[in-house]
C-alpha atoms as a PDB file:
ATOM      1  CA  MET A   1     -28.040   1.519  -7.327  1.00  0.00           C
ATOM      2  CA  ALA A   2     -30.042   1.325  -4.116  1.00  0.00           C
ATOM      3  CA  LEU A   3     -28.472  -0.244  -1.057  1.00  0.00           C
ATOM      4  CA  ALA A   4     -30.352  -3.163   0.391  1.00  0.00           C
ATOM      5  CA  ARG A   5     -31.708  -3.007   3.917  1.00  0.00           C
ATOM      6  CA  SER A   6     -29.209  -5.704   4.836  1.00  0.00           C
ATOM      7  CA  ALA A   7     -26.363  -3.176   5.088  1.00  0.00           C
ATOM      8  CA  ARG A   8     -24.688  -3.856   8.440  1.00  0.00           C
ATOM      9  CA  ALA A   9     -22.029  -2.202  10.569  1.00  0.00           C
ATOM     10  CA  ARG A  10     -20.510  -3.199  13.890  1.00  0.00           C
ATOM     11  CA  THR A  11     -17.455  -2.745  16.037  1.00  0.00           C
ATOM     12  CA  ALA A  12     -15.225  -5.683  16.845  1.00  0.00           C
ATOM     13  CA  ARG A  13     -11.783  -6.513  18.160  1.00  0.00           C
ATOM     14  CA  MET A  14      -9.053  -8.031  16.026  1.00  0.00           C
ATOM     15  CA  MET A  15      -5.640  -9.390  16.818  1.00  0.00           C
ATOM     16  CA  LEU A  16      -2.924  -7.212  15.246  1.00  0.00           C
ATOM     17  CA  PRO A  17      -0.286  -9.386  13.549  1.00  0.00           C
ATOM     18  CA  LEU A  18       3.206  -7.994  13.047  1.00  0.00           C
ATOM     19  CA  PRO A  19       6.211  -9.539  11.316  1.00  0.00           C
ATOM     20  CA  ASP A  20       8.949 -10.862  13.579  1.00  0.00           C
ATOM     21  CA  PRO A  21      12.228  -9.564  12.145  1.00  0.00           C
ATOM     22  CA  VAL A  22      14.274 -12.310  13.808  1.00  0.00           C
ATOM     23  CA  SER A  23      12.358 -15.458  12.885  1.00  0.00           C
ATOM     24  CA  GLY A  24      10.630 -14.067   9.804  1.00  0.00           C
ATOM     25  CA  GLY A  25       7.300 -15.305  11.151  1.00  0.00           C
ATOM     26  CA  ARG A  26       4.441 -13.354  12.653  1.00  0.00           C
ATOM     27  CA  PHE A  27       3.414 -12.578  16.200  1.00  0.00           C
ATOM     28  CA  PHE A  28       0.295 -10.946  17.584  1.00  0.00           C
ATOM     29  CA  LEU A  29       0.955  -7.591  19.223  1.00  0.00           C
ATOM     30  CA  GLY A  30      -2.486  -7.369  20.815  1.00  0.00           C
ATOM     31  CA  GLU A  31      -6.097  -6.470  20.101  1.00  0.00           C
ATOM     32  CA  VAL A  32      -7.284  -3.384  18.222  1.00  0.00           C
ATOM     33  CA  LEU A  33     -10.793  -1.968  17.929  1.00  0.00           C
ATOM     34  CA  VAL A  34     -12.140  -1.998  14.370  1.00  0.00           C
ATOM     35  CA  ALA A  35     -15.319  -0.917  12.612  1.00  0.00           C
ATOM     36  CA  GLU A  36     -16.562  -3.249   9.906  1.00  0.00           C
ATOM     37  CA  ALA A  37     -19.445  -2.811   7.502  1.00  0.00           C
ATOM     38  CA  THR A  38     -21.050  -4.595   4.587  1.00  0.00           C
ATOM     39  CA  ALA A  39     -23.375  -3.203   1.949  1.00  0.00           C
ATOM     40  CA  GLU A  40     -25.364  -5.307  -0.493  1.00  0.00           C
ATOM     41  CA  ALA A  41     -27.266  -4.465  -3.659  1.00  0.00           C
ATOM     42  CA  GLN A  42     -28.305  -6.431  -6.716  1.00  0.00           C
ATOM     43  CA  GLY A  43     -26.422  -9.529  -5.608  1.00  0.00           C
ATOM     44  CA  LEU A  44     -23.130  -7.664  -5.095  1.00  0.00           C
ATOM     45  CA  GLN A  45     -21.424  -6.983  -1.787  1.00  0.00           C
ATOM     46  CA  GLY A  46     -19.062  -4.276  -0.568  1.00  0.00           C
ATOM     47  CA  TYR A  47     -16.998  -4.749   2.579  1.00  0.00           C
ATOM     48  CA  MET A  48     -14.882  -2.370   4.673  1.00  0.00           C
ATOM     49  CA  ILE A  49     -12.889  -2.799   7.845  1.00  0.00           C
ATOM     50  CA  ARG A  50     -10.941   0.028   9.458  1.00  0.00           C
ATOM     51  CA  VAL A  51      -9.155   0.673  12.719  1.00  0.00           C
ATOM     52  CA  GLY A  52     -11.240   2.665  15.196  1.00  0.00           C
ATOM     53  CA  ASP A  53     -14.927   2.875  16.011  1.00  0.00           C
ATOM     54  CA  ASP A  54     -16.189   5.131  13.196  1.00  0.00           C
ATOM     55  CA  LEU A  55     -19.147   3.092  11.901  1.00  0.00           C
ATOM     56  CA  HIS A  56     -20.231   5.864   9.542  1.00  0.00           C
ATOM     57  CA  ALA A  57     -16.857   5.852   7.775  1.00  0.00           C
ATOM     58  CA  ALA A  58     -16.951   2.051   7.567  1.00  0.00           C
ATOM     59  CA  ARG A  59     -20.421   2.179   5.968  1.00  0.00           C
ATOM     60  CA  LEU A  60     -19.224   4.773   3.465  1.00  0.00           C
ATOM     61  CA  GLY A  61     -16.218   2.625   2.632  1.00  0.00           C
ATOM     62  CA  ALA A  62     -18.432  -0.411   2.080  1.00  0.00           C
ATOM     63  CA  ALA A  63     -20.710   1.628  -0.195  1.00  0.00           C
ATOM     64  CA  ILE A  64     -17.693   2.835  -2.194  1.00  0.00           C
ATOM     65  CA  MET A  65     -16.423  -0.730  -2.557  1.00  0.00           C
ATOM     66  CA  LEU A  66     -19.894  -1.780  -3.710  1.00  0.00           C
ATOM     67  CA  ALA A  67     -19.958   1.036  -6.279  1.00  0.00           C
ATOM     68  CA  ALA A  68     -16.536  -0.045  -7.544  1.00  0.00           C
ATOM     69  CA  GLU A  69     -17.807  -3.617  -7.858  1.00  0.00           C
ATOM     70  CA  GLU A  70     -20.939  -2.560  -9.729  1.00  0.00           C
ATOM     71  CA  TYR A  71     -19.284   0.056 -11.961  1.00  0.00           C
ATOM     72  CA  PRO A  72     -15.714  -1.131 -12.638  1.00  0.00           C
ATOM     73  CA  GLU A  73     -15.355   1.344 -15.498  1.00  0.00           C
ATOM     74  CA  ARG A  74     -15.719   4.212 -12.990  1.00  0.00           C
ATOM     75  CA  VAL A  75     -13.100   3.023 -10.492  1.00  0.00           C
ATOM     76  CA  ALA A  76     -10.426   5.402 -11.808  1.00  0.00           C
ATOM     77  CA  ARG A  77     -12.753   8.405 -11.474  1.00  0.00           C
ATOM     78  CA  ILE A  78     -13.962   7.340  -8.006  1.00  0.00           C
ATOM     79  CA  THR A  79     -10.341   6.926  -6.880  1.00  0.00           C
ATOM     80  CA  GLU A  80      -9.386  10.325  -8.311  1.00  0.00           C
ATOM     81  CA  LEU A  81     -12.255  12.096  -6.541  1.00  0.00           C
ATOM     82  CA  LEU A  82     -11.663  10.357  -3.228  1.00  0.00           C
ATOM     83  CA  GLY A  83      -7.924  10.980  -3.371  1.00  0.00           C
ATOM     84  CA  SER A  84      -8.320  14.711  -3.881  1.00  0.00           C
ATOM     85  CA  GLN A  85     -10.987  14.943  -1.150  1.00  0.00           C
ATOM     86  CA  LEU A  86      -8.864  12.966   1.312  1.00  0.00           C
ATOM     87  CA  ALA A  87      -5.783  15.080   0.633  1.00  0.00           C
ATOM     88  CA  THR A  88      -7.736  18.308   1.088  1.00  0.00           C
ATOM     89  CA  GLY A  89      -9.416  17.083   4.271  1.00  0.00           C
ATOM     90  CA  ARG A  90      -6.179  15.708   5.720  1.00  0.00           C
ATOM     91  CA  HIS A  91      -4.345  18.984   5.076  1.00  0.00           C
ATOM     92  CA  ALA A  92      -7.134  21.029   6.695  1.00  0.00           C
ATOM     93  CA  ALA A  93      -7.224  18.699   9.702  1.00  0.00           C
ATOM     94  CA  GLU A  94      -3.447  18.951  10.145  1.00  0.00           C
ATOM     95  CA  ARG A  95      -3.543  22.740   9.948  1.00  0.00           C
ATOM     96  CA  ALA A  96      -6.380  22.900  12.482  1.00  0.00           C
ATOM     97  CA  ALA A  97      -4.605  20.535  14.873  1.00  0.00           C
ATOM     98  CA  VAL A  98      -1.269  22.338  14.778  1.00  0.00           C
ATOM     99  CA  ARG A  99      -1.444  25.785  16.334  1.00  0.00           C
ATOM    100  CA  ALA A 100       1.300  28.119  17.448  1.00  0.00           C
ATOM    101  CA  THR A 101       2.294  27.243  20.996  1.00  0.00           C
ATOM    102  CA  ARG A 102       3.848  29.532  23.576  1.00  0.00           C
ATOM    103  CA  VAL A 103       6.077  27.852  26.129  1.00  0.00           C
ATOM    104  CA  ARG A 104       7.194  29.670  29.274  1.00  0.00           C
ATOM    105  CA  PHE A 105      10.359  28.553  30.979  1.00  0.00           C
ATOM    106  CA  ASP A 106      12.928  30.071  33.343  1.00  0.00           C
ATOM    107  CA  GLY A 107      15.019  31.577  30.538  1.00  0.00           C
ATOM    108  CA  GLY A 108      12.133  33.413  28.874  1.00  0.00           C
ATOM    109  CA  GLU A 109       9.414  32.559  26.359  1.00  0.00           C
ATOM    110  CA  ALA A 110       9.570  30.577  23.117  1.00  0.00           C
ATOM    111  CA  GLU A 111       7.147  29.846  20.273  1.00  0.00           C
ATOM    112  CA  ALA A 112       6.807  26.480  18.576  1.00  0.00           C
ATOM    113  CA  TYR A 113       5.348  25.995  15.096  1.00  0.00           C
ATOM    114  CA  ALA A 114       4.748  23.040  12.853  1.00  0.00           C
ATOM    115  CA  ALA A 115       7.834  22.079  10.856  1.00  0.00           C
ATOM    116  CA  SER A 116       5.841  22.360   7.620  1.00  0.00           C
ATOM    117  CA  ASP A 117       4.386  25.806   8.406  1.00  0.00           C
ATOM    118  CA  PHE A 118       6.437  28.080   6.128  1.00  0.00           C
ATOM    119  CA  THR A 119       3.481  30.173   4.959  1.00  0.00           C
ATOM    120  CA  THR A 120       3.143  32.620   7.865  1.00  0.00           C
ATOM    121  CA  ASP A 121       5.457  35.533   8.519  1.00  0.00           C
ATOM    122  CA  ARG A 122       6.500  35.874  12.145  1.00  0.00           C
END
């Protein structure tokens, strides 16, 4: 499968609808920035829209959707691979973002750790 040259990506703004718990209807909270992409090949089209401005991720998502459209028998395997990669990447990103923090205050010094960090002896 070769992607056509008509693959497109752009940023846009969308209104964010939320349910109104009182009336049961919807209201628009405000605008959010989104990245949207399409990928086309052999008459099929993949489409992805995601919150944020990461055009590369939107293009990858569109390509994955296109692959799922073209090879429906491989969707389970694609989902399995992506799920394990996302979980691994998310865990690594969380660990990198959460570092031990020292806080100084009048009564002395304290250390703060992530609530899920039970692996390190202190």
